[in-house]
Amino acid sequence: MSKKSSDLKKPTSPLGAIGSEELRRLVEVTGRLLSTIDFDQLFEIIMESAKSLTNSEASSLLLLDEKVGKLRFAVATGAAKESLGSLYVPLGEESIAGYVAVHGRPLVVNDVKKDGRWYSGVDEATSFHTRSILAVPLILEERTVGVVEVLNKEGEADFTDEDIQLLELLATQAAQVLRNAQDYKDLQASKKAMEITQEIRYRIVGENPVLMQSLSMAKKVAKSNTTVMITGESGTGKELLARFVHLNSSRRNGPFVVVNCAAIPTTLIESELFGYEKGAFTGAANRKEGKFEQAHKGTLFLDEIGDLGLETQVKLLRFFEEKEFERLGGKERLTVDVRVITATNQDLPTLIKDKKFREDLYYRINVFPIELPPLRERKEDINLLLQHFISYFNTETTKGIEKVDKKALELLETYDWPGNIRELRNVIERAFVLAEDGVIKAEDIVIGKGPRSEKFDLLENEKPWIDAVQDFKRSYLTHILTKTSGNHKQAADILGIQPSYLSRLKKELDL
């Protein structure tokens, strides 16, 4: 076997043997490669450029298929290109392209019949007549992922050092452009997957007439900048409806900022909403934007607004009246473009009578009220919600739940759901953990467990004191909320605590 014309070429100087005309053509090719991120177009540009830059009859791009340990034809030019789609080329000494892929360096064979590495199977399958080959590796992140090859230099001439350099430069450019295109494709796929997940997560599910009327009202008011107040029991989906209004408005591309007024201590809520200047209080080392500034050109959702302190209510009222505010410790008056949506599960008129909520603020926020019905009044939606949560948790896990048996569904449809949709979601999430064989059964459904149904056996349920206390708190709070149908004020009165503390307890106990 003679290797005089087929020795493995050492890397050449990037521009040493290339003439000015070839450089001009290479720059032109680079511009074309940067003009698109479509893979089909990129492959076409690479192959046509490889062929024209080296004055060859045909060109091919072969990619490494690690599953079969061979090179496959990704794209080609020339008379045989339609026949190459299903062909593979062996790696190593059995083919010229395979040799380049293994060694990661260019190779010229100006007379393939004199080189034992020539793989004749491609010619036999396509009826193409190969005389000479120039092949260079396609390298990404220091790893050879394929081979660019050109065949039969026109006029039966030999491939030159200039041809090698041109093809190497083209392969280098092509590798980076293909990587950028793949990164963009991956990013778009990730974004699309995230959008699908978000759409499932925040979808409002149901066919109940009262719910449909609420959605219809939300869609109508979304087109304006009118302040909306959403009422309903805890867990009915008030934040989902607020997000629905935002996404159906002209602000949909702006931020949607959520503030749970009950979860932030009274001493901090003002700085959280309006921000603060450096030195405004001990620990204020830098200026901080508040939620109103963060929501500029978008929507600010104030959840559980009934838990706001009276002092903060005054400053919120001032914003509604003047459309301006000041950061804590600041003198500069700021103006932002924000649509405000509020929500509460409390009876604000009663709070007004008890001097716990300002009447003038109530009229400011209650411009367009929308009420969400509790789940116990829309039980026809339970099966739809169940299927929705199953779809969502199937995207979040690898469990693959396919159905819910009849007895499990009966349990869900006969329960009164004091925690509403949030409670149903938690029950289904727990059932996902317990379920086996792709089916949620009745024994996987754990609901309605109050403190009187708990049986503590000291021998079987021994646990640290702190854990036992947390379990009792969780159990007793669930019992009280069930008894009051989720009414925060009634539950807080029974427990002898403030509604804001009750909300914080719920969050702390993950209820």
Protein backbone atom coordinates (compact mmCIF):
# COMPACT_ATOMS: atom_id res chain seq x y z
CA MET A 1 0.00 0.00 0.00
CA SER A 2 1.44 3.36 -0.97
CA LYS A 3 0.89 6.40 1.24
CA LYS A 4 2.99 8.85 -0.74
CA SER A 5 -0.03 10.94 -1.67
CA SER A 6 -2.01 10.26 1.44
CA ASP A 7 0.19 11.05 4.44
CA LEU A 8 -1.64 12.61 7.37
CA LYS A 9 -1.18 16.34 6.99
CA LYS A 10 0.14 18.43 9.86
CA PRO A 11 -1.82 21.57 10.77
CA THR A 12 -0.87 24.35 8.44
CA SER A 13 -0.47 28.06 8.99
CA PRO A 14 -3.97 29.62 8.91
CA LEU A 15 -3.35 32.01 6.05
CA GLY A 16 0.08 31.02 4.66
CA ALA A 17 -0.81 29.76 1.19
CA ILE A 18 -4.14 31.48 0.63
CA GLY A 19 -4.42 34.13 -2.08
CA SER A 20 -6.33 37.41 -1.79
CA GLU A 21 -9.19 36.24 -4.00
CA GLU A 22 -9.68 33.10 -1.91
CA LEU A 23 -9.60 35.20 1.27
CA ARG A 24 -12.27 37.48 -0.18
CA ARG A 25 -14.44 34.45 -0.99
CA LEU A 26 -13.88 33.02 2.50
CA VAL A 27 -14.96 36.31 4.13
CA GLU A 28 -18.05 36.26 1.93
CA VAL A 29 -18.83 32.70 3.06
CA THR A 30 -18.40 33.71 6.71
CA GLY A 31 -20.94 36.49 6.22
CA ARG A 32 -23.43 34.02 4.71
CA LEU A 33 -22.91 31.62 7.61
CA LEU A 34 -23.64 34.38 10.09
CA SER A 35 -26.80 35.39 8.26
CA THR A 36 -28.92 32.43 9.40
CA ILE A 37 -29.46 29.99 12.26
CA ASP A 38 -31.51 27.55 10.21
CA PHE A 39 -29.67 24.21 10.11
CA ASP A 40 -30.74 23.28 6.58
CA GLN A 41 -29.53 26.61 5.23
CA LEU A 42 -26.27 26.37 7.20
CA PHE A 43 -25.55 22.88 5.87
CA GLU A 44 -26.27 24.03 2.32
CA ILE A 45 -23.95 27.05 2.66
CA ILE A 46 -21.16 24.94 4.18
CA MET A 47 -21.33 22.26 1.49
CA GLU A 48 -21.62 24.60 -1.48
CA SER A 49 -18.79 26.76 -0.08
CA ALA A 50 -16.53 23.74 0.47
CA LYS A 51 -17.13 22.64 -3.09
CA SER A 52 -16.60 26.08 -4.69
CA LEU A 53 -13.60 27.14 -2.56
CA THR A 54 -11.67 24.00 -3.52
CA ASN A 55 -13.03 23.71 -7.09
CA SER A 56 -14.33 20.20 -6.43
CA GLU A 57 -17.03 18.06 -8.03
CA ALA A 58 -18.77 17.18 -4.76
CA SER A 59 -18.69 17.77 -1.00
CA SER A 60 -20.09 15.99 2.06
CA LEU A 61 -20.58 16.58 5.77
CA LEU A 62 -20.40 13.41 7.85
CA LEU A 63 -21.35 13.46 11.54
CA LEU A 64 -20.26 10.96 14.17
CA ASP A 65 -23.11 8.68 15.26
CA GLU A 66 -21.93 7.38 18.62
CA LYS A 67 -24.78 4.89 18.90
CA VAL A 68 -23.51 2.82 15.97
CA GLY A 69 -19.87 3.91 16.09
CA LYS A 70 -19.82 5.15 12.49
CA LEU A 71 -20.02 8.34 10.45
CA ARG A 72 -23.31 9.15 8.74
CA PHE A 73 -23.91 11.52 5.86
CA ALA A 74 -25.69 14.62 7.16
CA VAL A 75 -25.67 16.56 3.89
CA ALA A 76 -23.90 16.43 0.52
CA THR A 77 -23.62 18.08 -2.88
CA GLY A 78 -22.98 16.55 -6.27
CA ALA A 79 -24.70 13.96 -8.41
CA ALA A 80 -24.89 11.31 -5.67
CA LYS A 81 -26.32 13.46 -2.85
CA GLU A 82 -29.84 11.93 -3.00
CA SER A 83 -28.40 8.42 -2.47
CA LEU A 84 -26.30 9.22 0.62
CA GLY A 85 -29.00 9.78 3.24
CA SER A 86 -29.00 6.21 4.63
CA LEU A 87 -25.28 5.41 4.22
CA TYR A 88 -22.71 5.00 6.98
CA VAL A 89 -18.91 5.13 6.77
CA PRO A 90 -16.70 3.07 9.16
CA LEU A 91 -14.25 4.70 11.56
CA GLY A 92 -10.47 4.19 11.71
CA GLU A 93 -8.35 2.49 9.04
CA GLU A 94 -11.38 1.32 7.07
CA SER A 95 -12.18 4.72 5.52
CA ILE A 96 -10.47 8.02 4.81
CA ALA A 97 -13.14 10.10 6.56
CA GLY A 98 -13.13 7.63 9.47
CA TYR A 99 -9.34 7.97 9.75
CA VAL A 100 -9.66 11.77 9.97
CA ALA A 101 -12.42 11.49 12.57
CA VAL A 102 -10.28 9.26 14.79
CA HIS A 103 -7.04 11.29 14.46
CA GLY A 104 -8.63 14.77 14.31
CA ARG A 105 -6.33 16.06 11.54
CA PRO A 106 -6.75 16.74 7.78
CA LEU A 107 -5.92 14.12 5.16
CA VAL A 108 -5.36 14.36 1.38
CA VAL A 109 -5.59 11.33 -0.88
CA ASN A 110 -5.06 12.32 -4.52
CA ASP A 111 -5.44 8.75 -5.82
CA VAL A 112 -7.90 6.79 -3.71
CA LYS A 113 -7.23 3.46 -5.51
CA LYS A 114 -3.66 3.49 -4.18
CA ASP A 115 -4.74 3.97 -0.54
CA GLY A 116 -5.94 1.04 1.53
CA ARG A 117 -8.10 3.33 3.70
CA TRP A 118 -10.42 4.18 0.86
CA TYR A 119 -13.94 2.86 1.53
CA SER A 120 -15.45 1.92 -1.85
CA GLY A 121 -18.89 1.13 -0.42
CA VAL A 122 -20.15 4.67 -1.03
CA ASP A 123 -19.21 4.60 -4.72
CA GLU A 124 -20.79 1.18 -5.11
CA ALA A 125 -24.07 2.40 -3.54
CA THR A 126 -24.24 5.67 -5.46
CA SER A 127 -22.45 4.96 -8.80
CA PHE A 128 -20.27 7.99 -8.13
CA HIS A 129 -16.65 7.69 -9.30
CA THR A 130 -14.21 8.99 -6.67
CA ARG A 131 -10.64 9.87 -7.77
CA SER A 132 -9.37 12.03 -4.92
CA ILE A 133 -10.45 13.13 -1.44
CA LEU A 134 -9.57 15.98 0.90
CA ALA A 135 -11.04 15.53 4.39
CA VAL A 136 -10.77 17.79 7.47
CA PRO A 137 -12.19 17.24 10.98
CA LEU A 138 -15.16 19.19 12.31
CA ILE A 139 -14.12 20.00 15.87
CA LEU A 140 -16.34 21.35 18.65
CA GLU A 141 -14.94 22.03 22.13
CA GLU A 142 -11.78 20.07 21.35
CA ARG A 143 -13.78 17.02 20.28
CA THR A 144 -14.14 15.75 16.71
CA VAL A 145 -17.86 15.49 15.92
CA GLY A 146 -17.66 14.97 12.18
CA VAL A 147 -15.74 15.37 8.94
CA VAL A 148 -16.01 17.80 6.01
CA GLU A 149 -14.76 16.27 2.77
CA VAL A 150 -14.48 17.34 -0.85
CA LEU A 151 -14.06 14.95 -3.79
CA ASN A 152 -12.42 15.12 -7.22
CA LYS A 153 -10.71 18.45 -7.79
CA GLU A 154 -11.81 19.75 -11.19
CA GLY A 155 -9.51 19.15 -14.18
CA GLU A 156 -8.17 16.02 -12.49
CA ALA A 157 -5.72 18.22 -10.56
CA ASP A 158 -4.37 17.39 -7.09
CA PHE A 159 -5.63 19.00 -3.91
CA THR A 160 -3.10 21.58 -2.67
CA ASP A 161 -1.98 23.07 0.66
CA GLU A 162 -4.16 26.07 -0.17
CA ASP A 163 -7.19 23.75 -0.48
CA ILE A 164 -6.38 22.23 2.91
CA GLN A 165 -6.13 25.65 4.57
CA LEU A 166 -9.35 26.90 2.98
CA LEU A 167 -11.27 23.81 4.05
CA GLU A 168 -9.83 23.91 7.58
CA LEU A 169 -10.83 27.55 7.99
CA LEU A 170 -14.29 26.80 6.62
CA ALA A 171 -14.68 23.84 9.00
CA THR A 172 -13.62 26.01 11.95
CA GLN A 173 -16.16 28.69 11.03
CA ALA A 174 -18.83 26.08 10.35
CA ALA A 175 -18.28 24.36 13.71
CA GLN A 176 -18.76 27.61 15.64
CA VAL A 177 -21.81 28.66 13.62
CA LEU A 178 -23.39 25.21 14.05
CA ARG A 179 -22.71 25.40 17.80
CA ASN A 180 -24.36 28.82 18.00
CA ALA A 181 -27.33 27.54 16.01
CA GLN A 182 -27.62 24.50 18.29
CA ASP A 183 -27.38 26.70 21.40
CA TYR A 184 -30.12 28.93 20.00
CA LYS A 185 -32.24 25.91 19.13
CA ASP A 186 -31.75 24.48 22.64
CA LEU A 187 -32.58 27.85 24.17
CA GLN A 188 -35.76 28.15 22.13
CA ALA A 189 -36.75 24.57 23.02
CA SER A 190 -36.09 25.28 26.70
CA LYS A 191 -38.08 28.51 26.50
CA LYS A 192 -40.94 26.73 24.76
CA ALA A 193 -40.91 23.93 27.34
CA MET A 194 -40.94 26.52 30.11
CA GLU A 195 -43.82 28.38 28.48
CA ILE A 196 -45.79 25.13 28.17
CA THR A 197 -45.07 24.27 31.82
CA GLN A 198 -46.03 27.78 32.93
CA GLU A 199 -49.19 27.68 30.81
CA ILE A 200 -50.20 24.38 32.45
CA ARG A 201 -49.27 25.62 35.90
CA TYR A 202 -51.24 28.87 35.68
CA ARG A 203 -54.17 27.61 33.63
CA ILE A 204 -57.62 28.28 35.09
CA VAL A 205 -59.56 25.03 34.76
CA GLY A 206 -63.31 24.54 35.00
CA GLU A 207 -66.71 24.83 33.36
CA ASN A 208 -68.77 26.03 36.31
CA PRO A 209 -71.13 28.86 35.17
CA VAL A 210 -70.12 31.17 38.04
CA LEU A 211 -66.43 30.64 37.26
CA MET A 212 -67.07 31.25 33.56
CA GLN A 213 -68.81 34.53 34.40
CA SER A 214 -65.82 35.59 36.55
CA LEU A 215 -63.44 34.77 33.70
CA SER A 216 -65.60 36.71 31.25
CA MET A 217 -65.51 39.77 33.51
CA ALA A 218 -61.75 39.41 33.94
CA LYS A 219 -61.23 39.30 30.19
CA LYS A 220 -63.32 42.45 29.69
CA VAL A 221 -61.57 44.48 32.38
CA ALA A 222 -58.13 43.31 31.21
CA LYS A 223 -58.31 45.65 28.20
CA SER A 224 -58.39 48.70 30.47
CA ASN A 225 -56.19 49.98 33.32
CA THR A 226 -59.04 49.76 35.84
CA THR A 227 -58.10 48.62 39.34
CA VAL A 228 -59.47 45.14 40.03
CA MET A 229 -60.26 43.55 43.38
CA ILE A 230 -60.58 39.75 43.47
CA THR A 231 -62.42 38.19 46.38
CA GLY A 232 -62.90 34.60 47.43
CA GLU A 233 -61.85 32.07 50.00
CA SER A 234 -58.24 31.08 50.49
CA GLY A 235 -57.09 28.67 47.79
CA THR A 236 -59.70 29.54 45.15
CA GLY A 237 -57.10 30.79 42.65
CA LYS A 238 -57.09 34.57 43.12
CA GLU A 239 -53.48 34.91 42.00
CA LEU A 240 -54.25 32.82 38.90
CA LEU A 241 -57.09 35.17 38.00
CA ALA A 242 -54.87 38.21 38.56
CA ARG A 243 -52.27 36.67 36.25
CA PHE A 244 -55.06 35.94 33.74
CA VAL A 245 -55.99 39.66 33.73
CA HIS A 246 -52.32 40.61 33.25
CA LEU A 247 -51.75 38.17 30.36
CA ASN A 248 -54.86 39.38 28.56
CA SER A 249 -53.89 43.04 28.89
CA SER A 250 -51.59 45.30 26.89
CA ARG A 251 -49.09 44.89 29.77
CA ARG A 252 -48.61 41.18 29.12
CA ASN A 253 -44.95 41.67 28.16
CA GLY A 254 -44.25 43.68 31.31
CA PRO A 255 -43.52 42.33 34.80
CA PHE A 256 -46.12 40.65 36.99
CA VAL A 257 -45.06 41.33 40.58
CA VAL A 258 -46.72 39.56 43.50
CA VAL A 259 -46.78 40.82 47.09
CA ASN A 260 -48.38 38.75 49.84
CA CYS A 261 -49.30 41.48 52.31
CA ALA A 262 -49.92 38.96 55.11
CA ALA A 263 -46.51 37.31 54.77
CA ILE A 264 -44.48 40.51 55.31
CA PRO A 265 -44.21 41.99 58.83
CA THR A 266 -45.93 45.34 59.30
CA THR A 267 -42.59 47.01 60.04
CA LEU A 268 -41.20 45.96 56.66
CA ILE A 269 -44.17 46.19 54.29
CA GLU A 270 -43.72 49.91 53.53
CA SER A 271 -40.08 49.52 52.47
CA GLU A 272 -41.01 46.39 50.52
CA LEU A 273 -43.68 48.24 48.53
CA PHE A 274 -42.02 51.63 48.06
CA GLY A 275 -38.33 50.87 48.51
CA TYR A 276 -35.83 52.83 50.58
CA GLU A 277 -32.83 55.11 50.29
CA LYS A 278 -29.39 54.38 51.63
CA GLY A 279 -29.28 55.16 55.36
CA ALA A 280 -33.07 55.24 55.71
CA PHE A 281 -32.76 52.89 58.70
CA THR A 282 -30.17 50.73 60.41
CA GLY A 283 -28.94 48.18 57.89
CA ALA A 284 -30.00 50.14 54.81
CA ALA A 285 -26.53 50.10 53.23
CA ASN A 286 -27.77 50.74 49.69
CA ARG A 287 -30.77 52.12 47.86
CA LYS A 288 -33.40 49.47 47.08
CA GLU A 289 -36.26 49.62 44.60
CA GLY A 290 -39.68 48.69 45.93
CA LYS A 291 -42.29 46.48 44.30
CA PHE A 292 -44.02 49.47 42.68
CA GLU A 293 -40.83 50.36 40.80
CA GLN A 294 -40.21 46.71 39.89
CA ALA A 295 -43.71 46.52 38.40
CA HIS A 296 -43.23 49.56 36.12
CA LYS A 297 -45.02 49.00 32.78
CA GLY A 298 -46.61 45.89 34.25
CA THR A 299 -48.97 44.70 36.98
CA LEU A 300 -48.63 44.74 40.78
CA PHE A 301 -50.72 42.10 42.54
CA LEU A 302 -51.38 42.85 46.22
CA ASP A 303 -52.63 39.60 47.73
CA GLU A 304 -54.41 39.54 51.12
CA ILE A 305 -54.63 43.32 51.15
CA GLY A 306 -56.88 43.16 54.21
CA ASP A 307 -53.79 42.41 56.31
CA LEU A 308 -52.12 45.75 55.51
CA GLY A 309 -51.52 47.99 58.51
CA LEU A 310 -53.39 51.32 58.69
CA GLU A 311 -50.22 53.39 58.24
CA THR A 312 -49.33 51.55 55.03
CA GLN A 313 -52.94 51.88 53.85
CA VAL A 314 -52.54 55.68 54.06
CA LYS A 315 -49.48 55.64 51.79
CA LEU A 316 -51.15 53.23 49.38
CA LEU A 317 -54.18 55.54 49.19
CA ARG A 318 -51.87 58.45 48.44
CA PHE A 319 -50.42 56.51 45.50
CA PHE A 320 -53.90 55.82 44.09
CA GLU A 321 -54.84 59.49 44.41
CA GLU A 322 -51.63 61.13 43.20
CA LYS A 323 -49.94 58.32 41.19
CA GLU A 324 -46.73 59.22 43.03
CA PHE A 325 -44.76 57.94 46.01
CA GLU A 326 -41.48 58.41 47.86
CA ARG A 327 -38.96 55.80 48.88
CA LEU A 328 -38.55 55.35 52.62
CA GLY A 329 -36.03 57.97 53.76
CA GLY A 330 -36.20 59.80 50.43
CA LYS A 331 -37.49 63.17 49.28
CA GLU A 332 -37.75 62.57 45.54
CA ARG A 333 -41.27 61.91 44.30
CA LEU A 334 -41.42 58.98 41.91
CA THR A 335 -44.00 58.17 39.24
CA VAL A 336 -44.51 54.68 37.83
CA ASP A 337 -46.84 53.18 35.26
CA VAL A 338 -48.41 50.30 37.20
CA ARG A 339 -51.74 48.55 37.11
CA VAL A 340 -52.77 47.37 40.59
CA ILE A 341 -54.83 44.25 41.23
CA THR A 342 -55.76 43.39 44.80
CA ALA A 343 -57.20 40.29 46.43
CA THR A 344 -58.61 39.31 49.78
CA ASN A 345 -60.37 36.41 51.47
CA GLN A 346 -61.63 38.69 54.24
CA ASP A 347 -64.81 40.72 54.57
CA LEU A 348 -63.44 44.22 54.09
CA PRO A 349 -66.71 46.03 55.01
CA THR A 350 -66.56 44.28 58.39
CA LEU A 351 -62.93 45.34 58.80
CA ILE A 352 -64.01 48.89 57.99
CA LYS A 353 -66.62 48.76 60.77
CA ASP A 354 -63.94 47.46 63.14
CA LYS A 355 -61.67 50.39 62.15
CA LYS A 356 -59.09 47.99 60.72
CA PHE A 357 -59.40 49.03 57.08
CA ARG A 358 -59.81 52.49 55.60
CA GLU A 359 -63.11 53.08 53.85
CA ASP A 360 -61.60 55.56 51.36
CA LEU A 361 -58.97 52.99 50.31
CA TYR A 362 -61.68 50.34 49.97
CA TYR A 363 -63.54 52.48 47.43
CA ARG A 364 -60.30 53.08 45.55
CA ILE A 365 -59.52 49.38 45.15
CA ASN A 366 -63.07 48.11 44.78
CA VAL A 367 -63.62 49.71 41.36
CA PHE A 368 -64.13 46.40 39.57
CA PRO A 369 -64.76 43.49 41.98
CA ILE A 370 -64.63 39.87 40.78
CA GLU A 371 -65.54 37.01 43.09
CA LEU A 372 -64.27 33.46 42.71
CA PRO A 373 -66.55 30.64 43.88
CA PRO A 374 -65.29 28.05 46.40
CA LEU A 375 -64.59 24.53 45.14
CA ARG A 376 -67.48 23.03 47.12
CA GLU A 377 -69.83 25.10 44.92
CA ARG A 378 -68.27 23.88 41.67
CA LYS A 379 -67.80 20.17 42.29
CA GLU A 380 -68.50 19.44 38.64
CA ASP A 381 -65.01 20.85 38.02
CA ILE A 382 -63.18 18.46 40.36
CA ASN A 383 -62.57 15.82 37.69
CA LEU A 384 -61.30 18.48 35.26
CA LEU A 385 -58.98 19.89 37.92
CA LEU A 386 -57.83 16.39 38.76
CA GLN A 387 -56.83 15.68 35.15
CA HIS A 388 -55.14 19.08 34.98
CA PHE A 389 -52.99 18.40 38.06
CA ILE A 390 -52.13 14.92 36.79
CA SER A 391 -50.90 16.46 33.51
CA TYR A 392 -48.85 19.02 35.40
CA PHE A 393 -47.25 16.57 37.85
CA ASN A 394 -46.51 14.18 34.99
CA THR A 395 -44.39 16.95 33.42
CA GLU A 396 -42.66 17.58 36.75
CA THR A 397 -41.97 13.92 37.61
CA THR A 398 -41.24 10.61 35.92
CA LYS A 399 -44.09 8.83 37.71
CA GLY A 400 -46.36 8.60 34.67
CA ILE A 401 -49.78 8.50 36.32
CA GLU A 402 -52.38 7.54 33.71
CA LYS A 403 -55.68 7.41 35.58
CA VAL A 404 -57.61 7.66 38.85
CA ASP A 405 -59.82 4.79 39.93
CA LYS A 406 -63.55 5.25 40.59
CA LYS A 407 -63.40 5.06 44.39
CA ALA A 408 -60.63 7.67 44.55
CA LEU A 409 -62.68 10.03 42.37
CA GLU A 410 -65.75 9.50 44.60
CA LEU A 411 -63.66 10.46 47.65
CA LEU A 412 -62.57 13.66 45.95
CA GLU A 413 -66.06 14.60 44.76
CA THR A 414 -67.77 14.04 48.13
CA TYR A 415 -65.28 16.04 50.22
CA ASP A 416 -66.12 19.72 50.96
CA TRP A 417 -62.62 21.14 50.30
CA PRO A 418 -62.23 23.89 52.92
CA GLY A 419 -58.80 24.61 51.44
CA ASN A 420 -60.29 24.77 47.94
CA ILE A 421 -58.15 24.20 44.83
CA ARG A 422 -54.88 24.63 46.73
CA GLU A 423 -55.87 21.79 49.04
CA LEU A 424 -56.91 19.62 46.08
CA ARG A 425 -53.55 20.26 44.43
CA ASN A 426 -51.67 19.24 47.58
CA VAL A 427 -53.77 16.08 47.91
CA ILE A 428 -53.01 15.09 44.31
CA GLU A 429 -49.32 15.87 44.73
CA ARG A 430 -49.20 13.57 47.78
CA ALA A 431 -51.18 10.91 45.89
CA PHE A 432 -48.56 11.05 43.14
CA VAL A 433 -45.92 10.05 45.66
CA LEU A 434 -48.00 7.18 47.04
CA ALA A 435 -49.48 5.86 43.79
CA GLU A 436 -48.14 2.72 42.11
CA ASP A 437 -48.60 1.12 38.69
CA GLY A 438 -49.66 4.42 37.11
CA VAL A 439 -53.02 4.55 38.96
CA ILE A 440 -54.17 6.75 41.86
CA LYS A 441 -56.31 4.60 44.17
CA ALA A 442 -58.55 5.46 47.10
CA GLU A 443 -55.84 4.54 49.61
CA ASP A 444 -53.55 7.14 48.00
CA ILE A 445 -56.04 9.94 48.79
CA VAL A 446 -55.39 11.54 52.18
CA ILE A 447 -57.95 14.25 52.98
CA GLY A 448 -60.03 15.66 55.82
CA LYS A 449 -57.62 14.69 58.55
CA GLY A 450 -58.38 16.86 61.60
CA PRO A 451 -56.88 16.68 65.11
CA ARG A 452 -59.59 14.37 66.44
CA SER A 453 -58.81 11.73 63.87
CA GLU A 454 -55.11 11.69 64.80
CA LYS A 455 -54.13 8.78 67.05
CA PHE A 456 -50.74 9.07 68.64
CA ASP A 457 -49.14 5.84 69.80
CA LEU A 458 -46.08 6.67 71.89
CA LEU A 459 -44.33 3.51 70.80
CA GLU A 460 -45.05 3.89 67.08
CA ASN A 461 -44.98 7.67 66.66
CA GLU A 462 -42.07 8.81 68.77
CA LYS A 463 -40.52 11.99 67.38
CA PRO A 464 -38.64 15.07 68.63
CA TRP A 465 -40.68 17.56 70.68
CA ILE A 466 -40.39 20.34 68.09
CA ASP A 467 -41.67 18.04 65.31
CA ALA A 468 -44.58 16.90 67.47
CA VAL A 469 -45.52 20.52 68.22
CA GLN A 470 -45.39 21.41 64.51
CA ASP A 471 -47.59 18.40 63.70
CA PHE A 472 -50.15 19.48 66.31
CA LYS A 473 -50.15 23.07 65.04
CA ARG A 474 -50.67 21.89 61.47
CA SER A 475 -53.42 19.48 62.46
CA TYR A 476 -55.26 21.90 64.75
CA LEU A 477 -55.05 24.80 62.30
CA THR A 478 -56.44 22.56 59.54
CA HIS A 479 -59.32 21.62 61.85
CA ILE A 480 -60.17 25.28 62.63
CA LEU A 481 -59.98 26.34 58.98
CA THR A 482 -62.22 23.43 58.03
CA LYS A 483 -64.70 24.44 60.71
CA THR A 484 -64.78 28.06 59.45
CA SER A 485 -64.82 27.09 55.75
CA GLY A 486 -61.51 28.87 55.26
CA ASN A 487 -62.68 32.22 56.69
CA HIS A 488 -59.53 33.85 58.03
CA LYS A 489 -61.25 36.31 60.34
CA GLN A 490 -63.44 33.69 62.01
CA ALA A 491 -60.52 31.30 62.37
CA ALA A 492 -58.30 34.03 63.83
CA ASP A 493 -61.04 35.00 66.32
CA ILE A 494 -61.38 31.37 67.49
CA LEU A 495 -57.60 31.04 67.84
CA GLY A 496 -57.24 34.45 69.50
CA ILE A 497 -54.63 35.70 67.02
CA GLN A 498 -54.39 38.36 64.32
CA PRO A 499 -55.39 37.34 60.75
CA SER A 500 -51.92 38.38 59.55
CA TYR A 501 -50.33 35.98 62.05
CA LEU A 502 -52.71 33.26 60.87
CA SER A 503 -51.55 33.79 57.29
CA ARG A 504 -47.91 33.59 58.35
CA LEU A 505 -48.66 30.41 60.31
CA LYS A 506 -50.24 28.85 57.21
CA LYS A 507 -47.14 29.62 55.19
CA GLU A 508 -44.82 28.39 57.92
CA LEU A 509 -46.75 25.11 58.22
CA ASP A 510 -47.06 24.75 54.44
CA LEU A 511 -50.88 24.72 54.48
